[in-house]
C-alpha atoms as a PDB file:
ATOM      1  CA  MET A   1     -21.522  57.411 104.512  1.00  0.00           C
ATOM      2  CA  LYS A   2     -21.876  54.228 102.437  1.00  0.00           C
ATOM      3  CA  LYS A   3     -20.599  54.139  98.906  1.00  0.00           C
ATOM      4  CA  ASP A   4     -23.474  54.164  96.393  1.00  0.00           C
ATOM      5  CA  THR A   5     -22.582  51.780  93.679  1.00  0.00           C
ATOM      6  CA  SER A   6     -24.040  52.251  90.120  1.00  0.00           C
ATOM      7  CA  TYR A   7     -24.411  50.209  86.868  1.00  0.00           C
ATOM      8  CA  SER A   8     -24.077  51.815  83.483  1.00  0.00           C
ATOM      9  CA  PHE A   9     -24.421  51.054  79.768  1.00  0.00           C
ATOM     10  CA  GLN A  10     -22.683  52.909  77.008  1.00  0.00           C
ATOM     11  CA  SER A  11     -25.130  54.427  74.363  1.00  0.00           C
ATOM     12  CA  LYS A  12     -24.181  54.662  70.663  1.00  0.00           C
ATOM     13  CA  LYS A  13     -24.613  58.368  71.048  1.00  0.00           C
ATOM     14  CA  GLY A  14     -21.667  58.479  73.348  1.00  0.00           C
ATOM     15  CA  MET A  15     -23.681  59.164  76.407  1.00  0.00           C
ATOM     16  CA  GLY A  16     -23.857  56.565  79.190  1.00  0.00           C
ATOM     17  CA  VAL A  17     -27.065  55.431  81.056  1.00  0.00           C
ATOM     18  CA  THR A  18     -26.564  55.034  84.846  1.00  0.00           C
ATOM     19  CA  PHE A  19     -28.723  53.044  87.284  1.00  0.00           C
ATOM     20  CA  GLU A  20     -28.590  54.610  90.707  1.00  0.00           C
ATOM     21  CA  GLU A  21     -30.510  54.809  94.045  1.00  0.00           C
ATOM     22  CA  LEU A  22     -32.550  57.898  93.986  1.00  0.00           C
ATOM     23  CA  HIS A  23     -31.245  60.645  96.366  1.00  0.00           C
ATOM     24  CA  ILE A  24     -31.459  64.344  97.080  1.00  0.00           C
ATOM     25  CA  ARG A  25     -28.469  64.913  94.939  1.00  0.00           C
ATOM     26  CA  HIS A  26     -30.651  64.046  92.025  1.00  0.00           C
ATOM     27  CA  ILE A  27     -32.875  67.048  92.792  1.00  0.00           C
ATOM     28  CA  ASN A  28     -31.791  68.885  89.554  1.00  0.00           C
ATOM     29  CA  LEU A  29     -33.321  65.936  87.564  1.00  0.00           C
ATOM     30  CA  LEU A  30     -36.739  66.523  89.007  1.00  0.00           C
ATOM     31  CA  ILE A  31     -36.940  70.094  88.022  1.00  0.00           C
ATOM     32  CA  ASP A  32     -37.755  69.314  84.314  1.00  0.00           C
ATOM     33  CA  ILE A  33     -40.393  66.608  84.932  1.00  0.00           C
ATOM     34  CA  LYS A  34     -43.771  67.860  83.874  1.00  0.00           C
ATOM     35  CA  ASN A  35     -45.730  65.302  85.703  1.00  0.00           C
ATOM     36  CA  LYS A  36     -46.411  66.907  89.106  1.00  0.00           C
ATOM     37  CA  GLU A  37     -47.700  63.753  90.801  1.00  0.00           C
ATOM     38  CA  LEU A  38     -44.626  61.798  89.642  1.00  0.00           C
ATOM     39  CA  ASN A  39     -42.297  64.558  90.612  1.00  0.00           C
ATOM     40  CA  ASN A  40     -43.747  64.634  94.142  1.00  0.00           C
ATOM     41  CA  TRP A  41     -43.290  60.989  94.485  1.00  0.00           C
ATOM     42  CA  PHE A  42     -39.772  60.975  93.177  1.00  0.00           C
ATOM     43  CA  LEU A  43     -38.938  63.922  95.669  1.00  0.00           C
ATOM     44  CA  LYS A  44     -40.444  61.788  98.539  1.00  0.00           C
ATOM     45  CA  MET A  45     -38.384  58.678  97.675  1.00  0.00           C
ATOM     46  CA  ALA A  46     -35.233  60.893  97.295  1.00  0.00           C
ATOM     47  CA  ILE A  47     -35.699  62.038 100.843  1.00  0.00           C
ATOM     48  CA  ILE A  48     -36.397  58.510 102.132  1.00  0.00           C
ATOM     49  CA  ASN A  49     -33.253  57.235 100.527  1.00  0.00           C
ATOM     50  CA  THR A  50     -31.066  60.010 101.523  1.00  0.00           C
ATOM     51  CA  PHE A  51     -32.064  59.806 105.279  1.00  0.00           C
ATOM     52  CA  ASP A  52     -31.793  56.129 105.197  1.00  0.00           C
ATOM     53  CA  ASP A  53     -28.084  56.601 104.388  1.00  0.00           C
ATOM     54  CA  LEU A  54     -27.733  59.306 107.052  1.00  0.00           C
ATOM     55  CA  LYS A  55     -29.173  56.886 109.614  1.00  0.00           C
ATOM     56  CA  ILE A  56     -26.600  54.209 108.651  1.00  0.00           C
ATOM     57  CA  PHE A  57     -23.848  56.791 108.827  1.00  0.00           C
ATOM     58  CA  LEU A  58     -24.865  58.448 112.064  1.00  0.00           C
ATOM     59  CA  ASN A  59     -26.332  55.621 114.227  1.00  0.00           C
ATOM     60  CA  ASN A  60     -25.818  52.389 112.220  1.00  0.00           C
ATOM     61  CA  LEU A  61     -29.637  51.821 112.385  1.00  0.00           C
ATOM     62  CA  LYS A  62     -31.603  49.227 110.505  1.00  0.00           C
ATOM     63  CA  LYS A  63     -31.834  50.036 106.750  1.00  0.00           C
ATOM     64  CA  ASN A  64     -35.178  51.002 105.477  1.00  0.00           C
ATOM     65  CA  LYS A  65     -35.706  48.746 102.414  1.00  0.00           C
ATOM     66  CA  ASN A  66     -38.270  50.858 100.662  1.00  0.00           C
ATOM     67  CA  LYS A  67     -36.147  51.948  97.811  1.00  0.00           C
ATOM     68  CA  CYS A  68     -36.542  53.709  94.444  1.00  0.00           C
ATOM     69  CA  ILE A  69     -34.045  52.817  91.690  1.00  0.00           C
ATOM     70  CA  ILE A  70     -33.781  55.120  88.773  1.00  0.00           C
ATOM     71  CA  ALA A  71     -32.077  55.138  85.257  1.00  0.00           C
ATOM     72  CA  ILE A  72     -30.532  58.372  84.353  1.00  0.00           C
ATOM     73  CA  TYR A  73     -29.749  59.509  80.828  1.00  0.00           C
ATOM     74  CA  GLY A  74     -28.044  62.895  80.581  1.00  0.00           C
ATOM     75  CA  ASN A  75     -30.086  65.055  82.966  1.00  0.00           C
ATOM     76  CA  GLU A  76     -33.268  63.089  82.799  1.00  0.00           C
ATOM     77  CA  ILE A  77     -34.744  60.061  84.565  1.00  0.00           C
ATOM     78  CA  ILE A  78     -35.875  57.604  81.877  1.00  0.00           C
ATOM     79  CA  GLY A  79     -36.933  54.611  84.021  1.00  0.00           C
ATOM     80  CA  TYR A  80     -37.446  53.498  87.587  1.00  0.00           C
ATOM     81  CA  LEU A  81     -38.761  50.702  89.854  1.00  0.00           C
ATOM     82  CA  ASN A  82     -39.444  50.318  93.627  1.00  0.00           C
ATOM     83  CA  ILE A  83     -38.279  47.753  96.105  1.00  0.00           C
ATOM     84  CA  PHE A  84     -40.006  47.074  99.340  1.00  0.00           C
ATOM     85  CA  PRO A  85     -40.143  44.305 101.962  1.00  0.00           C
ATOM     86  CA  LEU A  86     -43.145  41.729 101.903  1.00  0.00           C
ATOM     87  CA  ASN A  87     -42.678  40.624 105.565  1.00  0.00           C
ATOM     88  CA  LYS A  88     -41.801  42.136 108.863  1.00  0.00           C
ATOM     89  CA  LYS A  89     -38.559  40.125 108.896  1.00  0.00           C
ATOM     90  CA  GLU A  90     -37.569  41.864 105.592  1.00  0.00           C
ATOM     91  CA  THR A  91     -36.216  38.624 104.321  1.00  0.00           C
ATOM     92  CA  CYS A  92     -38.362  38.808 101.097  1.00  0.00           C
ATOM     93  CA  LEU A  93     -38.239  41.921  98.978  1.00  0.00           C
ATOM     94  CA  LYS A  94     -40.556  42.857  96.131  1.00  0.00           C
ATOM     95  CA  ILE A  95     -39.224  44.388  92.935  1.00  0.00           C
ATOM     96  CA  SER A  96     -41.971  46.380  91.173  1.00  0.00           C
ATOM     97  CA  LYS A  97     -42.463  46.257  87.370  1.00  0.00           C
ATOM     98  CA  PRO A  98     -39.977  48.593  85.829  1.00  0.00           C
ATOM     99  CA  LYS A  99     -41.423  51.710  84.474  1.00  0.00           C
ATOM    100  CA  LEU A 100     -39.760  53.377  81.448  1.00  0.00           C
ATOM    101  CA  ILE A 101     -40.662  57.038  81.151  1.00  0.00           C
ATOM    102  CA  ASN A 102     -38.935  58.346  77.919  1.00  0.00           C
ATOM    103  CA  ASN A 103     -36.196  56.253  76.401  1.00  0.00           C
ATOM    104  CA  LYS A 104     -34.113  58.689  74.454  1.00  0.00           C
ATOM    105  CA  CYS A 105     -30.994  56.662  74.474  1.00  0.00           C
ATOM    106  CA  SER A 106     -29.914  53.831  72.167  1.00  0.00           C
ATOM    107  CA  LEU A 107     -30.257  51.203  74.796  1.00  0.00           C
ATOM    108  CA  THR A 108     -33.254  48.824  74.370  1.00  0.00           C
ATOM    109  CA  ASP A 109     -36.110  48.730  76.775  1.00  0.00           C
ATOM    110  CA  LYS A 110     -34.870  45.325  77.718  1.00  0.00           C
ATOM    111  CA  GLN A 111     -31.391  46.617  78.497  1.00  0.00           C
ATOM    112  CA  LEU A 112     -32.727  49.321  80.786  1.00  0.00           C
ATOM    113  CA  THR A 113     -34.950  46.835  82.495  1.00  0.00           C
ATOM    114  CA  LEU A 114     -31.764  44.634  83.018  1.00  0.00           C
ATOM    115  CA  GLY A 115     -29.971  47.542  84.550  1.00  0.00           C
ATOM    116  CA  LEU A 116     -32.759  48.506  86.901  1.00  0.00           C
ATOM    117  CA  ILE A 117     -33.281  44.924  88.317  1.00  0.00           C
ATOM    118  CA  LYS A 118     -29.546  44.298  88.539  1.00  0.00           C
ATOM    119  CA  LYS A 119     -29.131  47.313  90.718  1.00  0.00           C
ATOM    120  CA  SER A 120     -32.171  46.291  92.788  1.00  0.00           C
ATOM    121  CA  ILE A 121     -30.710  42.921  93.719  1.00  0.00           C
ATOM    122  CA  SER A 122     -27.443  44.409  94.736  1.00  0.00           C
ATOM    123  CA  ILE A 123     -29.325  46.174  97.566  1.00  0.00           C
ATOM    124  CA  LYS A 124     -29.457  43.781 100.397  1.00  0.00           C
ATOM    125  CA  ASP A 125     -28.151  42.766 103.939  1.00  0.00           C
ATOM    126  CA  ILE A 126     -27.634  39.631 105.856  1.00  0.00           C
ATOM    127  CA  LYS A 127     -31.491  39.052 106.292  1.00  0.00           C
ATOM    128  CA  THR A 128     -32.261  39.224 102.616  1.00  0.00           C
ATOM    129  CA  SER A 129     -32.924  35.786 101.093  1.00  0.00           C
ATOM    130  CA  SER A 130     -35.584  36.432  98.424  1.00  0.00           C
ATOM    131  CA  TRP A 131     -36.542  38.826  95.640  1.00  0.00           C
ATOM    132  CA  ILE A 132     -39.918  38.527  93.947  1.00  0.00           C
ATOM    133  CA  ILE A 133     -41.091  40.019  90.599  1.00  0.00           C
ATOM    134  CA  ASN A 134     -44.559  39.746  89.087  1.00  0.00           C
ATOM    135  CA  ALA A 135     -44.464  39.755  85.264  1.00  0.00           C
ATOM    136  CA  ASP A 136     -47.515  40.022  82.955  1.00  0.00           C
ATOM    137  CA  ILE A 137     -47.723  36.658  81.215  1.00  0.00           C
ATOM    138  CA  ASN A 138     -47.142  38.296  77.745  1.00  0.00           C
ATOM    139  CA  ASN A 139     -44.167  40.377  78.982  1.00  0.00           C
ATOM    140  CA  VAL A 140     -41.338  38.281  77.367  1.00  0.00           C
ATOM    141  CA  ASP A 141     -38.663  40.923  77.949  1.00  0.00           C
ATOM    142  CA  LEU A 142     -39.226  41.208  81.667  1.00  0.00           C
ATOM    143  CA  ILE A 143     -39.490  37.360  82.036  1.00  0.00           C
ATOM    144  CA  SER A 144     -36.299  36.553  80.084  1.00  0.00           C
ATOM    145  CA  THR A 145     -34.379  39.394  81.591  1.00  0.00           C
ATOM    146  CA  SER A 146     -35.303  38.168  85.068  1.00  0.00           C
ATOM    147  CA  ARG A 147     -34.368  34.676  84.151  1.00  0.00           C
ATOM    148  CA  GLU A 148     -30.922  36.017  83.026  1.00  0.00           C
ATOM    149  CA  LEU A 149     -30.432  37.490  86.535  1.00  0.00           C
ATOM    150  CA  GLY A 150     -31.079  34.011  88.311  1.00  0.00           C
ATOM    151  CA  PHE A 151     -34.891  34.331  88.819  1.00  0.00           C
ATOM    152  CA  GLN A 152     -36.970  31.239  88.478  1.00  0.00           C
ATOM    153  CA  PRO A 153     -40.731  30.845  87.665  1.00  0.00           C
ATOM    154  CA  LEU A 154     -42.430  29.934  90.843  1.00  0.00           C
ATOM    155  CA  GLY A 155     -46.093  29.836  89.372  1.00  0.00           C
ATOM    156  CA  GLU A 156     -48.926  31.714  87.768  1.00  0.00           C
ATOM    157  CA  ILE A 157     -51.604  33.891  89.110  1.00  0.00           C
ATOM    158  CA  SER A 158     -54.986  35.353  87.835  1.00  0.00           C
ATOM    159  CA  LEU A 159     -56.598  38.521  88.635  1.00  0.00           C
ATOM    160  CA  TRP A 160     -60.302  38.641  88.567  1.00  0.00           C
ATOM    161  CA  ASP A 161     -62.764  41.568  87.782  1.00  0.00           C
ATOM    162  CA  GLY A 162     -66.250  41.484  89.127  1.00  0.00           C
ATOM    163  CA  SER A 163     -67.460  44.750  87.803  1.00  0.00           C
ATOM    164  CA  ASP A 164     -69.666  43.168  85.332  1.00  0.00           C
ATOM    165  CA  LEU A 165     -71.120  40.814  87.932  1.00  0.00           C
ATOM    166  CA  ASN A 166     -74.941  40.765  87.793  1.00  0.00           C
ATOM    167  CA  LYS A 167     -75.664  42.998  90.874  1.00  0.00           C
ATOM    168  CA  SER A 168     -79.346  42.324  90.462  1.00  0.00           C
ATOM    169  CA  MET A 169     -78.839  38.706  91.178  1.00  0.00           C
ATOM    170  CA  LYS A 170     -81.125  37.577  93.997  1.00  0.00           C
ATOM    171  CA  GLN A 171     -79.549  37.031  97.380  1.00  0.00           C
ATOM    172  CA  ASN A 172     -79.349  33.391  98.522  1.00  0.00           C
ATOM    173  CA  THR A 173     -81.474  33.443 101.679  1.00  0.00           C
ATOM    174  CA  ASN A 174     -80.156  29.971 102.814  1.00  0.00           C
ATOM    175  CA  ALA A 175     -76.616  31.512 102.567  1.00  0.00           C
ATOM    176  CA  ASN A 176     -77.449  34.636 104.501  1.00  0.00           C
ATOM    177  CA  SER A 177     -77.237  33.126 107.996  1.00  0.00           C
ATOM    178  CA  LEU A 178     -73.864  31.657 107.254  1.00  0.00           C
ATOM    179  CA  ILE A 179     -72.425  34.592 105.353  1.00  0.00           C
ATOM    180  CA  ASN A 180     -72.772  36.587 108.480  1.00  0.00           C
ATOM    181  CA  GLU A 181     -70.017  34.393 109.929  1.00  0.00           C
ATOM    182  CA  PHE A 182     -67.573  36.571 107.925  1.00  0.00           C
ATOM    183  CA  GLN A 183     -65.151  38.003 110.415  1.00  0.00           C
ATOM    184  CA  ASN A 184     -62.816  40.955 110.347  1.00  0.00           C
ATOM    185  CA  ILE A 185     -59.277  39.933 111.329  1.00  0.00           C
ATOM    186  CA  ASN A 186     -58.596  40.634 115.004  1.00  0.00           C
ATOM    187  CA  LYS A 187     -56.432  39.355 117.852  1.00  0.00           C
ATOM    188  CA  GLN A 188     -58.995  36.632 118.823  1.00  0.00           C
ATOM    189  CA  ASN A 189     -58.901  34.869 115.383  1.00  0.00           C
ATOM    190  CA  ILE A 190     -55.593  35.937 113.946  1.00  0.00           C
ATOM    191  CA  LEU A 191     -53.744  32.715 114.913  1.00  0.00           C
ATOM    192  CA  LYS A 192     -56.400  30.540 113.347  1.00  0.00           C
ATOM    193  CA  ILE A 193     -56.311  32.656 110.110  1.00  0.00           C
ATOM    194  CA  VAL A 194     -52.462  32.480 109.889  1.00  0.00           C
ATOM    195  CA  ASN A 195     -52.525  28.748 110.340  1.00  0.00           C
ATOM    196  CA  PHE A 196     -55.317  28.365 107.576  1.00  0.00           C
ATOM    197  CA  ILE A 197     -53.348  30.567 105.039  1.00  0.00           C
ATOM    198  CA  ARG A 198     -49.982  28.809 105.788  1.00  0.00           C
ATOM    199  CA  SER A 199     -51.611  25.269 105.435  1.00  0.00           C
ATOM    200  CA  ASN A 200     -52.947  26.227 102.113  1.00  0.00           C
ATOM    201  CA  GLN A 201     -49.657  27.408 100.566  1.00  0.00           C
ATOM    202  CA  SER A 202     -47.142  25.401  98.907  1.00  0.00           C
ATOM    203  CA  PRO A 203     -44.060  24.715 101.192  1.00  0.00           C
ATOM    204  CA  LEU A 204     -41.791  26.689  98.840  1.00  0.00           C
ATOM    205  CA  ILE A 205     -44.089  29.786  98.871  1.00  0.00           C
ATOM    206  CA  ARG A 206     -44.630  29.463 102.640  1.00  0.00           C
ATOM    207  CA  ASN A 207     -40.919  29.524 103.285  1.00  0.00           C
ATOM    208  CA  ILE A 208     -40.275  32.364 100.897  1.00  0.00           C
ATOM    209  CA  LEU A 209     -43.084  34.798 102.053  1.00  0.00           C
ATOM    210  CA  ASP A 210     -42.606  33.827 105.741  1.00  0.00           C
ATOM    211  CA  PHE A 211     -45.628  35.675 106.942  1.00  0.00           C
ATOM    212  CA  ASP A 212     -46.406  35.924 110.672  1.00  0.00           C
ATOM    213  CA  GLN A 213     -49.335  37.458 112.611  1.00  0.00           C
ATOM    214  CA  ASP A 214     -48.004  40.983 112.342  1.00  0.00           C
ATOM    215  CA  ASP A 215     -47.832  40.623 108.525  1.00  0.00           C
ATOM    216  CA  ILE A 216     -51.354  39.380 108.231  1.00  0.00           C
ATOM    217  CA  LEU A 217     -52.583  42.187 110.426  1.00  0.00           C
ATOM    218  CA  LYS A 218     -50.698  44.745 108.141  1.00  0.00           C
ATOM    219  CA  ARG A 219     -52.948  43.395 105.231  1.00  0.00           C
ATOM    220  CA  ASN A 220     -56.150  43.859 107.165  1.00  0.00           C
ATOM    221  CA  ASN A 221     -58.669  46.462 106.124  1.00  0.00           C
ATOM    222  CA  SER A 222     -62.504  46.886 105.926  1.00  0.00           C
ATOM    223  CA  LYS A 223     -62.569  44.429 102.842  1.00  0.00           C
ATOM    224  CA  SER A 224     -60.415  41.785 104.464  1.00  0.00           C
ATOM    225  CA  GLY A 225     -61.416  38.925 106.693  1.00  0.00           C
ATOM    226  CA  ALA A 226     -62.315  35.378 106.965  1.00  0.00           C
ATOM    227  CA  LEU A 227     -65.415  33.269 106.515  1.00  0.00           C
ATOM    228  CA  ILE A 228     -65.469  31.034 109.812  1.00  0.00           C
ATOM    229  CA  TYR A 229     -68.232  28.424 110.145  1.00  0.00           C
ATOM    230  CA  GLU A 230     -68.442  26.157 113.204  1.00  0.00           C
ATOM    231  CA  ASN A 231     -65.079  27.261 114.323  1.00  0.00           C
ATOM    232  CA  SER A 232     -63.327  26.377 111.018  1.00  0.00           C
ATOM    233  CA  VAL A 233     -61.983  28.788 108.496  1.00  0.00           C
ATOM    234  CA  LEU A 234     -63.684  28.238 105.111  1.00  0.00           C
ATOM    235  CA  CYS A 235     -61.917  31.005 103.084  1.00  0.00           C
ATOM    236  CA  THR A 236     -59.953  34.285 103.680  1.00  0.00           C
ATOM    237  CA  ILE A 237     -59.535  37.412 101.642  1.00  0.00           C
ATOM    238  CA  LEU A 238     -56.627  39.740 102.332  1.00  0.00           C
ATOM    239  CA  LYS A 239     -55.234  42.962 100.775  1.00  0.00           C
ATOM    240  CA  ASP A 240     -52.288  41.964  98.677  1.00  0.00           C
ATOM    241  CA  ILE A 241     -49.230  44.226  99.477  1.00  0.00           C
ATOM    242  CA  ASN A 242     -47.502  43.019  96.207  1.00  0.00           C
ATOM    243  CA  TYR A 243     -49.623  45.814  94.607  1.00  0.00           C
ATOM    244  CA  GLN A 244     -48.875  49.223  96.133  1.00  0.00           C
ATOM    245  CA  ASN A 245     -51.237  51.340  93.936  1.00  0.00           C
ATOM    246  CA  GLU A 246     -54.003  48.842  93.045  1.00  0.00           C
ATOM    247  CA  GLU A 247     -56.847  47.345  95.177  1.00  0.00           C
ATOM    248  CA  ILE A 248     -55.830  43.576  94.879  1.00  0.00           C
ATOM    249  CA  TYR A 249     -57.029  40.951  97.386  1.00  0.00           C
ATOM    250  CA  THR A 250     -55.850  37.427  97.589  1.00  0.00           C
ATOM    251  CA  LEU A 251     -58.620  34.913  97.827  1.00  0.00           C
ATOM    252  CA  THR A 252     -57.787  31.583  99.603  1.00  0.00           C
ATOM    253  CA  ILE A 253     -60.109  28.592 100.084  1.00  0.00           C
ATOM    254  CA  SER A 254     -59.409  25.325 101.917  1.00  0.00           C
ATOM    255  CA  ARG A 255     -57.869  22.584  99.973  1.00  0.00           C
ATOM    256  CA  TYR A 256     -60.703  20.498 101.160  1.00  0.00           C
ATOM    257  CA  TRP A 257     -63.446  22.907 100.164  1.00  0.00           C
ATOM    258  CA  ASP A 258     -66.881  21.230 100.332  1.00  0.00           C
ATOM    259  CA  LYS A 259     -69.140  22.012  97.276  1.00  0.00           C
ATOM    260  CA  ARG A 260     -72.019  22.285  99.720  1.00  0.00           C
ATOM    261  CA  PHE A 261     -70.748  25.703 100.570  1.00  0.00           C
ATOM    262  CA  ASN A 262     -70.690  26.975  97.017  1.00  0.00           C
ATOM    263  CA  SER A 263     -73.702  29.003  97.468  1.00  0.00           C
ATOM    264  CA  ILE A 264     -72.121  30.704 100.520  1.00  0.00           C
ATOM    265  CA  LEU A 265     -68.937  31.397  98.579  1.00  0.00           C
ATOM    266  CA  LYS A 266     -70.908  32.855  95.830  1.00  0.00           C
ATOM    267  CA  GLU A 267     -72.688  35.227  97.955  1.00  0.00           C
ATOM    268  CA  PHE A 268     -69.513  36.056  99.823  1.00  0.00           C
ATOM    269  CA  ILE A 269     -67.677  37.122  96.527  1.00  0.00           C
ATOM    270  CA  LYS A 270     -70.801  38.928  95.314  1.00  0.00           C
ATOM    271  CA  ARG A 271     -70.630  41.174  98.398  1.00  0.00           C
ATOM    272  CA  PHE A 272     -67.023  41.633  98.041  1.00  0.00           C
ATOM    273  CA  PHE A 273     -67.331  43.186  94.651  1.00  0.00           C
ATOM    274  CA  GLU A 274     -70.298  45.320  95.798  1.00  0.00           C
ATOM    275  CA  LYS A 275     -68.192  47.161  98.395  1.00  0.00           C
ATOM    276  CA  SER A 276     -66.233  50.195  97.572  1.00  0.00           C
ATOM    277  CA  PRO A 277     -63.566  50.763  96.387  1.00  0.00           C
ATOM    278  CA  VAL A 278     -63.417  48.862  93.133  1.00  0.00           C
ATOM    279  CA  SER A 279     -61.230  45.953  93.705  1.00  0.00           C
ATOM    280  CA  TYR A 280     -59.826  42.834  92.035  1.00  0.00           C
ATOM    281  CA  LEU A 281     -59.366  39.184  93.383  1.00  0.00           C
ATOM    282  CA  LYS A 282     -56.101  37.266  93.005  1.00  0.00           C
ATOM    283  CA  THR A 283     -55.917  33.476  92.782  1.00  0.00           C
ATOM    284  CA  TYR A 284     -53.190  31.052  92.050  1.00  0.00           C
ATOM    285  CA  LYS A 285     -53.437  29.328  88.706  1.00  0.00           C
ATOM    286  CA  GLU A 286     -52.791  25.972  90.346  1.00  0.00           C
ATOM    287  CA  ASN A 287     -56.039  26.182  92.258  1.00  0.00           C
ATOM    288  CA  SER A 288     -58.085  25.092  89.289  1.00  0.00           C
ATOM    289  CA  GLN A 289     -61.271  24.277  91.444  1.00  0.00           C
ATOM    290  CA  LEU A 290     -61.498  28.018  92.717  1.00  0.00           C
ATOM    291  CA  ASN A 291     -60.731  29.403  89.205  1.00  0.00           C
ATOM    292  CA  LEU A 292     -63.403  27.415  87.565  1.00  0.00           C
ATOM    293  CA  PHE A 293     -65.835  28.432  90.322  1.00  0.00           C
ATOM    294  CA  LEU A 294     -65.079  32.185  89.639  1.00  0.00           C
ATOM    295  CA  GLU A 295     -65.795  31.608  85.950  1.00  0.00           C
ATOM    296  CA  GLU A 296     -69.108  29.989  86.714  1.00  0.00           C
ATOM    297  CA  CYS A 297     -69.930  33.133  88.815  1.00  0.00           C
ATOM    298  CA  ASN A 298     -69.522  35.198  85.565  1.00  0.00           C
ATOM    299  CA  ILE A 299     -66.391  36.919  86.894  1.00  0.00           C
ATOM    300  CA  LYS A 300     -63.918  37.848  84.189  1.00  0.00           C
ATOM    301  CA  GLU A 301     -60.140  37.124  84.222  1.00  0.00           C
ATOM    302  CA  LYS A 302     -58.595  40.629  84.105  1.00  0.00           C
ATOM    303  CA  ASN A 303     -54.947  39.576  83.804  1.00  0.00           C
ATOM    304  CA  GLN A 304     -52.477  36.690  84.213  1.00  0.00           C
ATOM    305  CA  GLU A 305     -49.070  37.069  85.772  1.00  0.00           C
ATOM    306  CA  ILE A 306     -46.015  34.966  86.487  1.00  0.00           C
ATOM    307  CA  ILE A 307     -44.370  34.924  89.828  1.00  0.00           C
ATOM    308  CA  LEU A 308     -40.520  35.010  89.476  1.00  0.00           C
ATOM    309  CA  ILE A 309     -38.276  34.299  92.449  1.00  0.00           C
ATOM    310  CA  ARG A 310     -34.615  34.715  93.197  1.00  0.00           C
ATOM    311  CA  ASN A 311     -34.015  32.800  96.375  1.00  0.00           C
ATOM    312  CA  THR A 312     -31.303  30.833  98.268  1.00  0.00           C
ATOM    313  CA  ILE A 313     -33.961  28.084  98.943  1.00  0.00           C
ATOM    314  CA  VAL A 314     -34.435  27.409  95.235  1.00  0.00           C
ATOM    315  CA  LYS A 315     -30.610  27.415  94.773  1.00  0.00           C
ATOM    316  CA  ASN A 316     -30.007  24.998  97.626  1.00  0.00           C
ATOM    317  CA  GLU A 317     -32.781  22.590  96.349  1.00  0.00           C
ATOM    318  CA  ALA A 318     -31.328  22.756  92.955  1.00  0.00           C
ATOM    319  CA  LYS A 319     -27.879  21.727  94.315  1.00  0.00           C
ATOM    320  CA  GLN A 320     -29.238  18.910  96.474  1.00  0.00           C
ATOM    321  CA  VAL A 321     -31.010  17.436  93.370  1.00  0.00           C
ATOM    322  CA  ASN A 322     -27.802  17.729  91.397  1.00  0.00           C
ATOM    323  CA  ILE A 323     -26.048  15.473  93.844  1.00  0.00           C
ATOM    324  CA  ILE A 324     -28.186  12.501  92.852  1.00  0.00           C
ATOM    325  CA  ASN A 325     -27.533  13.289  89.128  1.00  0.00           C
ATOM    326  CA  GLN A 326     -31.100  14.167  88.052  1.00  0.00           C
ATOM    327  CA  SER A 327     -31.476  15.999  84.920  1.00  0.00           C
ATOM    328  CA  LEU A 328     -31.794  19.932  84.676  1.00  0.00           C
ATOM    329  CA  GLU A 329     -35.368  19.420  83.344  1.00  0.00           C
ATOM    330  CA  SER A 330     -36.458  17.496  86.449  1.00  0.00           C
ATOM    331  CA  ILE A 331     -34.873  20.125  88.643  1.00  0.00           C
ATOM    332  CA  PHE A 332     -36.939  22.897  87.131  1.00  0.00           C
ATOM    333  CA  GLU A 333     -40.018  20.585  87.107  1.00  0.00           C
ATOM    334  CA  LYS A 334     -39.620  20.339  90.797  1.00  0.00           C
ATOM    335  CA  LEU A 335     -39.167  24.075  91.334  1.00  0.00           C
ATOM    336  CA  SER A 336     -42.119  24.854  88.927  1.00  0.00           C
ATOM    337  CA  PRO A 337     -44.759  21.961  88.990  1.00  0.00           C
ATOM    338  CA  GLN A 338     -46.818  23.722  86.400  1.00  0.00           C
ATOM    339  CA  GLY A 339     -44.309  22.923  83.745  1.00  0.00           C
ATOM    340  CA  ASN A 340     -45.205  25.898  81.550  1.00  0.00           C
ATOM    341  CA  PRO A 341     -42.565  27.058  79.078  1.00  0.00           C
ATOM    342  CA  TYR A 342     -41.324  30.438  80.288  1.00  0.00           C
ATOM    343  CA  PRO A 343     -38.812  32.479  78.254  1.00  0.00           C
ATOM    344  CA  SER A 344     -35.169  31.408  78.938  1.00  0.00           C
ATOM    345  CA  PRO A 345     -32.411  33.862  79.552  1.00  0.00           C
ATOM    346  CA  PHE A 346     -30.037  34.764  76.825  1.00  0.00           C
ATOM    347  CA  PRO A 347     -27.060  37.165  76.817  1.00  0.00           C
ATOM    348  CA  LEU A 348     -27.695  40.789  76.180  1.00  0.00           C
ATOM    349  CA  LYS A 349     -25.281  42.784  74.099  1.00  0.00           C
ATOM    350  CA  THR A 350     -24.251  46.098  75.408  1.00  0.00           C
ATOM    351  CA  LYS A 351     -23.341  48.835  73.092  1.00  0.00           C
END
């Protein structure tokens, strides 16, 4: 069976904190956890991780990249995060936001976060080329820690809450005939939808996420689909698998959106928020036209996040720019066109 490497920090109290992949051997750590729901989830992940190692040992099967990384202090789990693939090819892995349960040691929250993420990016195979972290815009510790480990800011996103949308608003009868052109995703329209989404992504995001038809179908459900008019896709809405425990949907409109369709889009969004379960829309901050439109629809911005990426594409692009002797500032400006000042990495002192 493969050797499970671990990282550790030394506490002032003389007891070390280790960061390990959760396995059945940690079962004694789960006994004292009072939260039954969390305990059940840890047990499930321990079984998944353990059987994953057994498959490698017995049959050399493909690794299951759905992993749980834990921080252990004494006989307690004091922090954890989850890793899972964002595409079928498993080239892009999502690292969830670290959760710190009960920090009883002398290490800071930032040091624990560093250990969890560092362990996460050590779990890879030859296919892995990207890791993504979403950080709240004000989470300076997570942003700067990620930067220290080689993550670069890729862009910003907004999450929108339509729970206060005026549901008594009269329906736009002119839009009703066109809103019925909303289609669920199926084998007949999947290629058209994939091409639309890819054409409205930046080249860097498109290469990193590397979605294909199967990935789009995986994000399909009763609230997902596309607004198609006269054989052209106007906009799409898809379940966002970056968020495992929240109902978040990515809204994408054409780069060449025609304002004459504003009434249709407004009705489309209104109907989305009326459907159960309670859900939120995700947009990219760079799409100022769409974000301004959502504000005009009285939809409230719930949260802002930064996308942080660790990727060989970014590294290679930086190397190529260096060849022609451009400044470091110009490199980062090219990688992050928004130009927003994100926290820079700085060394952490371990005790």
